[in-house]
Amino acid sequence: MSQLEDSFELQIRAAGLPKPVREFRFHDVRKWRFDFAYPENMWAIEIHGGGWVNGGHNRNAIVMWRDYEKLNTAQELGWRVLQFTGEQVKDGVAVNTLERIFK
């Protein structure tokens, strides 16, 4: 869990939004997890904090392929997945999106 994810969770609380489950394992066989999830209505949130600093989400094609496989499988299972950059968490875009969804 990252400082960015901690910050996002604080923003969610401050906005009075429902509390998500952190590090939610959504697949019975694979060890895939969502950064945040609302399992009751199948919304998931992925925070891509390292995109511009050679982070795990854009290091190479294999890592990207794994992310695509995870997200595609989630969608096959009926999950709606929101993806945000670290900047979108910092500038409030991410929490504003959740406000529109949950209010």
Protein backbone atom coordinates (compact mmCIF):
# COMPACT_ATOMS: atom_id res chain seq x y z
CA MET A 1 0.00 0.00 0.00
CA SER A 2 1.34 3.34 -1.00
CA GLN A 3 1.25 6.82 0.45
CA LEU A 4 -0.77 7.82 -2.61
CA GLU A 5 -3.39 5.18 -1.81
CA ASP A 6 -3.47 6.34 1.82
CA SER A 7 -4.08 9.88 0.61
CA PHE A 8 -6.88 8.71 -1.68
CA GLU A 9 -8.55 6.85 1.19
CA LEU A 10 -8.43 10.03 3.30
CA GLN A 11 -10.04 11.98 0.45
CA ILE A 12 -12.81 9.38 0.23
CA ARG A 13 -13.49 9.72 3.96
CA ALA A 14 -13.42 13.52 3.85
CA ALA A 15 -15.96 13.47 1.02
CA GLY A 16 -18.30 11.29 3.08
CA LEU A 17 -18.23 8.49 0.51
CA PRO A 18 -18.69 4.80 1.32
CA LYS A 19 -15.56 3.12 2.60
CA PRO A 20 -13.96 0.83 0.01
CA VAL A 21 -12.17 -2.44 0.66
CA ARG A 22 -8.42 -2.06 0.13
CA GLU A 23 -6.37 -4.70 -1.66
CA PHE A 24 -9.48 -6.65 -2.57
CA ARG A 25 -8.77 -10.05 -4.12
CA PHE A 26 -11.33 -10.48 -6.88
CA HIS A 27 -10.25 -13.73 -8.51
CA ASP A 28 -10.43 -17.20 -6.94
CA VAL A 29 -7.50 -18.68 -8.85
CA ARG A 30 -5.21 -15.79 -9.69
CA LYS A 31 -3.83 -13.59 -6.93
CA TRP A 32 -5.12 -10.43 -8.57
CA ARG A 33 -6.18 -7.60 -6.32
CA PHE A 34 -7.73 -4.20 -6.81
CA ASP A 35 -6.26 -1.23 -4.96
CA PHE A 36 -9.79 -0.37 -3.81
CA ALA A 37 -13.11 -2.10 -4.37
CA TYR A 38 -16.78 -1.79 -3.65
CA PRO A 39 -17.68 -5.48 -3.98
CA GLU A 40 -21.39 -4.98 -3.31
CA ASN A 41 -21.79 -3.07 -6.58
CA MET A 42 -18.69 -4.34 -8.38
CA TRP A 43 -16.81 -1.05 -8.73
CA ALA A 44 -13.02 -1.25 -8.56
CA ILE A 45 -10.33 1.41 -8.49
CA GLU A 46 -6.74 1.09 -9.61
CA ILE A 47 -4.21 3.83 -8.81
CA HIS A 48 -1.28 3.99 -11.20
CA GLY A 49 1.16 6.08 -9.23
CA GLY A 50 4.42 5.18 -10.95
CA GLY A 51 3.51 5.81 -14.56
CA TRP A 52 5.99 8.60 -15.12
CA VAL A 53 8.87 7.31 -13.02
CA ASN A 54 9.49 3.93 -14.61
CA GLY A 55 6.91 2.37 -12.32
CA GLY A 56 5.40 -1.06 -12.61
CA HIS A 57 2.63 0.03 -14.94
CA ASN A 58 4.80 1.12 -17.84
CA ARG A 59 8.16 -0.54 -17.41
CA ASN A 60 7.80 -2.94 -20.30
CA ALA A 61 5.35 -4.73 -22.54
CA ILE A 62 5.15 -7.82 -20.32
CA VAL A 63 4.04 -5.79 -17.29
CA MET A 64 1.49 -3.94 -19.41
CA TRP A 65 0.21 -7.23 -20.84
CA ARG A 66 -0.31 -8.55 -17.30
CA ASP A 67 -2.27 -5.43 -16.35
CA TYR A 68 -4.45 -5.78 -19.45
CA GLU A 69 -5.08 -9.46 -18.70
CA LYS A 70 -6.11 -8.60 -15.13
CA LEU A 71 -8.42 -5.75 -16.16
CA ASN A 72 -9.97 -7.66 -19.05
CA THR A 73 -10.69 -10.63 -16.79
CA ALA A 74 -12.23 -8.31 -14.21
CA GLN A 75 -14.54 -6.91 -16.85
CA GLU A 76 -15.48 -10.41 -17.99
CA LEU A 77 -16.53 -11.08 -14.39
CA GLY A 78 -18.72 -7.97 -14.38
CA TRP A 79 -16.43 -5.49 -12.62
CA ARG A 80 -16.38 -1.82 -13.59
CA VAL A 81 -12.82 -0.63 -13.15
CA LEU A 82 -11.81 3.01 -12.73
CA GLN A 83 -8.15 3.83 -13.31
CA PHE A 84 -6.44 6.96 -12.06
CA THR A 85 -2.95 8.38 -12.19
CA GLY A 86 -1.22 9.74 -9.13
CA GLU A 87 -1.81 13.26 -10.41
CA GLN A 88 -5.55 12.60 -10.65
CA VAL A 89 -5.54 11.54 -7.01
CA LYS A 90 -3.53 14.61 -5.99
CA ASP A 91 -5.67 17.12 -7.88
CA GLY A 92 -9.01 15.64 -6.77
CA VAL A 93 -10.18 14.23 -10.11
CA ALA A 94 -10.32 10.69 -8.69
CA VAL A 95 -12.44 11.50 -5.64
CA ASN A 96 -14.67 13.81 -7.71
CA THR A 97 -15.38 10.89 -10.03
CA LEU A 98 -16.44 8.75 -7.08
CA GLU A 99 -18.65 11.56 -5.81
CA ARG A 100 -20.51 11.60 -9.12
CA ILE A 101 -20.93 7.80 -8.98
CA PHE A 102 -22.05 7.49 -5.37
CA LYS A 103 -24.10 10.64 -4.82
